[in-house]
C-alpha atoms as a PDB file:
ATOM      1  CA  MET A   1       0.258  -0.060  -0.009  1.00  0.00           C
ATOM      2  CA  MET A   2       3.315   2.187   0.445  1.00  0.00           C
ATOM      3  CA  GLY A   3       1.155   5.217   2.443  1.00  0.00           C
ATOM      4  CA  GLU A   4      -1.338   5.625  -0.553  1.00  0.00           C
ATOM      5  CA  MET A   5      -4.819   5.741   0.689  1.00  0.00           C
ATOM      6  CA  SER A   6      -6.495   4.864  -2.720  1.00  0.00           C
ATOM      7  CA  SER A   7     -10.185   6.664  -2.947  1.00  0.00           C
ATOM      8  CA  VAL A   8     -10.394   6.616   1.137  1.00  0.00           C
ATOM      9  CA  THR A   9      -9.901  10.270   2.755  1.00  0.00           C
ATOM     10  CA  GLU A  10      -8.070  10.967   5.987  1.00  0.00           C
ATOM     11  CA  TYR A  11     -12.007  12.106   7.269  1.00  0.00           C
ATOM     12  CA  GLN A  12     -13.130   8.612   6.326  1.00  0.00           C
ATOM     13  CA  ILE A  13     -10.183   6.962   8.082  1.00  0.00           C
ATOM     14  CA  ARG A  14     -10.898   9.475  11.037  1.00  0.00           C
ATOM     15  CA  TYR A  15     -14.780   8.178  10.599  1.00  0.00           C
ATOM     16  CA  LEU A  16     -14.109   4.563  10.486  1.00  0.00           C
ATOM     17  CA  ILE A  17     -12.108   4.644  13.313  1.00  0.00           C
ATOM     18  CA  MET A  18     -13.940   6.359  15.453  1.00  0.00           C
ATOM     19  CA  LYS A  19     -17.081   3.919  14.538  1.00  0.00           C
ATOM     20  CA  ALA A  20     -15.514   1.069  15.210  1.00  0.00           C
ATOM     21  CA  LEU A  21     -14.580   1.799  18.364  1.00  0.00           C
ATOM     22  CA  TYR A  22     -17.709   2.997  19.266  1.00  0.00           C
ATOM     23  CA  GLU A  23     -19.426  -0.276  18.411  1.00  0.00           C
ATOM     24  CA  THR A  24     -16.639  -1.793  20.386  1.00  0.00           C
ATOM     25  CA  ALA A  25     -16.971   0.215  23.223  1.00  0.00           C
ATOM     26  CA  GLY A  26     -21.224  -1.057  23.489  1.00  0.00           C
ATOM     27  CA  ASP A  27     -20.173  -4.435  22.882  1.00  0.00           C
ATOM     28  CA  GLU A  28     -20.543  -6.670  26.100  1.00  0.00           C
ATOM     29  CA  GLU A  29     -18.522  -9.292  24.382  1.00  0.00           C
ATOM     30  CA  ALA A  30     -15.279  -6.871  23.049  1.00  0.00           C
ATOM     31  CA  SER A  31     -13.018  -6.598  24.709  1.00  0.00           C
ATOM     32  CA  PRO A  32     -12.684  -3.757  27.895  1.00  0.00           C
ATOM     33  CA  TRP A  33      -9.497  -2.564  26.386  1.00  0.00           C
ATOM     34  CA  GLY A  34     -10.294  -1.473  23.018  1.00  0.00           C
ATOM     35  CA  VAL A  35      -9.133  -2.905  19.771  1.00  0.00           C
ATOM     36  CA  ASP A  36      -5.750  -4.250  18.986  1.00  0.00           C
ATOM     37  CA  ARG A  37      -3.644  -2.668  16.831  1.00  0.00           C
ATOM     38  CA  SER A  38      -3.986  -5.557  14.045  1.00  0.00           C
ATOM     39  CA  SER A  39      -7.550  -5.760  14.295  1.00  0.00           C
ATOM     40  CA  MET A  40      -7.973  -1.833  13.365  1.00  0.00           C
ATOM     41  CA  LEU A  41      -5.473  -2.582   9.991  1.00  0.00           C
ATOM     42  CA  LYS A  42      -8.253  -5.343   9.200  1.00  0.00           C
ATOM     43  CA  ILE A  43     -11.307  -2.832   9.771  1.00  0.00           C
ATOM     44  CA  LEU A  44      -9.967   0.319   8.111  1.00  0.00           C
ATOM     45  CA  GLN A  45      -7.822  -1.474   4.839  1.00  0.00           C
ATOM     46  CA  VAL A  46      -5.430   1.053   4.713  1.00  0.00           C
ATOM     47  CA  SER A  47      -1.430   1.522   5.218  1.00  0.00           C
ATOM     48  CA  GLU A  48      -0.052   1.256   8.469  1.00  0.00           C
ATOM     49  CA  ARG A  49       1.244   5.131   8.003  1.00  0.00           C
ATOM     50  CA  ASP A  50      -2.467   6.244   7.744  1.00  0.00           C
ATOM     51  CA  MET A  51      -3.942   4.605  10.080  1.00  0.00           C
ATOM     52  CA  ASP A  52      -1.087   5.790  12.641  1.00  0.00           C
ATOM     53  CA  ALA A  53      -1.575   9.406  11.331  1.00  0.00           C
ATOM     54  CA  ASN A  54      -5.015   9.495  11.473  1.00  0.00           C
ATOM     55  CA  MET A  55      -5.065   7.704  15.393  1.00  0.00           C
ATOM     56  CA  MET A  56      -2.875   9.943  16.391  1.00  0.00           C
ATOM     57  CA  PHE A  57      -4.680  13.096  15.320  1.00  0.00           C
ATOM     58  CA  LEU A  58      -8.085  11.382  17.110  1.00  0.00           C
ATOM     59  CA  GLU A  59      -6.085  11.219  20.312  1.00  0.00           C
ATOM     60  CA  ARG A  60      -4.354  14.446  20.357  1.00  0.00           C
ATOM     61  CA  ARG A  61      -8.282  16.034  20.026  1.00  0.00           C
ATOM     62  CA  GLY A  62      -9.192  13.844  22.913  1.00  0.00           C
ATOM     63  CA  LEU A  63     -11.577  11.259  21.320  1.00  0.00           C
ATOM     64  CA  VAL A  64      -9.530   8.349  21.750  1.00  0.00           C
ATOM     65  CA  ARG A  65      -7.311   6.881  24.097  1.00  0.00           C
ATOM     66  CA  LEU A  66      -4.521   4.702  23.113  1.00  0.00           C
ATOM     67  CA  THR A  67      -2.019   2.149  24.811  1.00  0.00           C
ATOM     68  CA  GLN A  68       1.390   2.504  23.812  1.00  0.00           C
ATOM     69  CA  ALA A  69       3.704  -0.244  23.548  1.00  0.00           C
ATOM     70  CA  SER A  70       7.682  -0.402  23.563  1.00  0.00           C
ATOM     71  CA  ASN A  71       7.924  -1.717  19.369  1.00  0.00           C
ATOM     72  CA  VAL A  72       5.173  -0.173  18.339  1.00  0.00           C
ATOM     73  CA  LEU A  73       3.317   3.807  18.221  1.00  0.00           C
ATOM     74  CA  TRP A  74       0.250   2.320  19.862  1.00  0.00           C
ATOM     75  CA  PHE A  75      -0.784  -1.300  20.662  1.00  0.00           C
ATOM     76  CA  ARG A  76      -4.819  -0.936  21.552  1.00  0.00           C
ATOM     77  CA  ALA A  77      -7.179   1.866  21.130  1.00  0.00           C
ATOM     78  CA  LYS A  78     -10.742   3.040  23.122  1.00  0.00           C
ATOM     79  CA  ILE A  79     -12.920   5.781  22.201  1.00  0.00           C
ATOM     80  CA  THR A  80     -12.893   8.466  24.984  1.00  0.00           C
ATOM     81  CA  SER A  81     -15.868   9.443  26.903  1.00  0.00           C
ATOM     82  CA  PHE A  82     -15.602  12.732  24.852  1.00  0.00           C
ATOM     83  CA  GLY A  83     -15.345  10.368  21.578  1.00  0.00           C
ATOM     84  CA  ILE A  84     -18.826   8.871  22.316  1.00  0.00           C
ATOM     85  CA  LYS A  85     -20.472  12.179  23.388  1.00  0.00           C
ATOM     86  CA  VAL A  86     -19.145  13.183  19.746  1.00  0.00           C
ATOM     87  CA  PHE A  87     -20.165  10.459  18.399  1.00  0.00           C
ATOM     88  CA  GLU A  88     -23.728   9.889  19.032  1.00  0.00           C
ATOM     89  CA  ASN A  89     -23.925  13.772  18.906  1.00  0.00           C
ATOM     90  CA  LYS A  90     -22.450  14.449  15.046  1.00  0.00           C
ATOM     91  CA  LYS A  91     -24.073  17.327  14.128  1.00  0.00           C
ATOM     92  CA  ARG A  92     -23.524  19.186  16.923  1.00  0.00           C
ATOM     93  CA  TYR A  93     -19.444  18.861  16.793  1.00  0.00           C
ATOM     94  CA  GLU A  94     -19.445  18.949  13.091  1.00  0.00           C
ATOM     95  CA  GLU A  95     -17.573  22.311  12.777  1.00  0.00           C
ATOM     96  CA  GLU A  96     -14.759  21.332  15.719  1.00  0.00           C
ATOM     97  CA  PHE A  97     -15.026  18.183  14.236  1.00  0.00           C
ATOM     98  CA  PRO A  98     -15.929  17.889  10.433  1.00  0.00           C
ATOM     99  CA  PHE A  99     -14.814  14.134   9.609  1.00  0.00           C
ATOM    100  CA  VAL A 100     -17.861  13.186  11.584  1.00  0.00           C
ATOM    101  CA  LYS A 101     -19.825  14.005   8.511  1.00  0.00           C
ATOM    102  CA  ALA A 102     -17.658  11.380   6.534  1.00  0.00           C
ATOM    103  CA  ALA A 103     -20.403   8.956   7.400  1.00  0.00           C
ATOM    104  CA  ASP A 104     -22.876  10.583   4.393  1.00  0.00           C
ATOM    105  CA  SER A 105     -20.474  10.483   1.900  1.00  0.00           C
ATOM    106  CA  LYS A 106     -19.753   6.832   2.575  1.00  0.00           C
ATOM    107  CA  GLY A 107     -23.533   6.233   2.654  1.00  0.00           C
ATOM    108  CA  GLN A 108     -23.105   4.682   6.056  1.00  0.00           C
END
């Protein structure tokens, strides 16, 4: 993949990360520690570089919390309570976080 996102935009990647973490947070059978790196990569189907850049963007804005490990940038990701609030109130936060509108462009 060499850093190419094909037809997927950064907004769509951010939205898909949030969607995956939001759905996991509500799933009683899912890990309470969040989604691991390899699972997220399978969900997104983008390069690790694109995944990491967008994951770090979301963490800096307080929407996700990352568990870090010595050999990788992050090992597990979990949505924060603020991230849940943003995801559940997309209209209210779309100016501050325009990527929440990516759902419209993907038909999800």
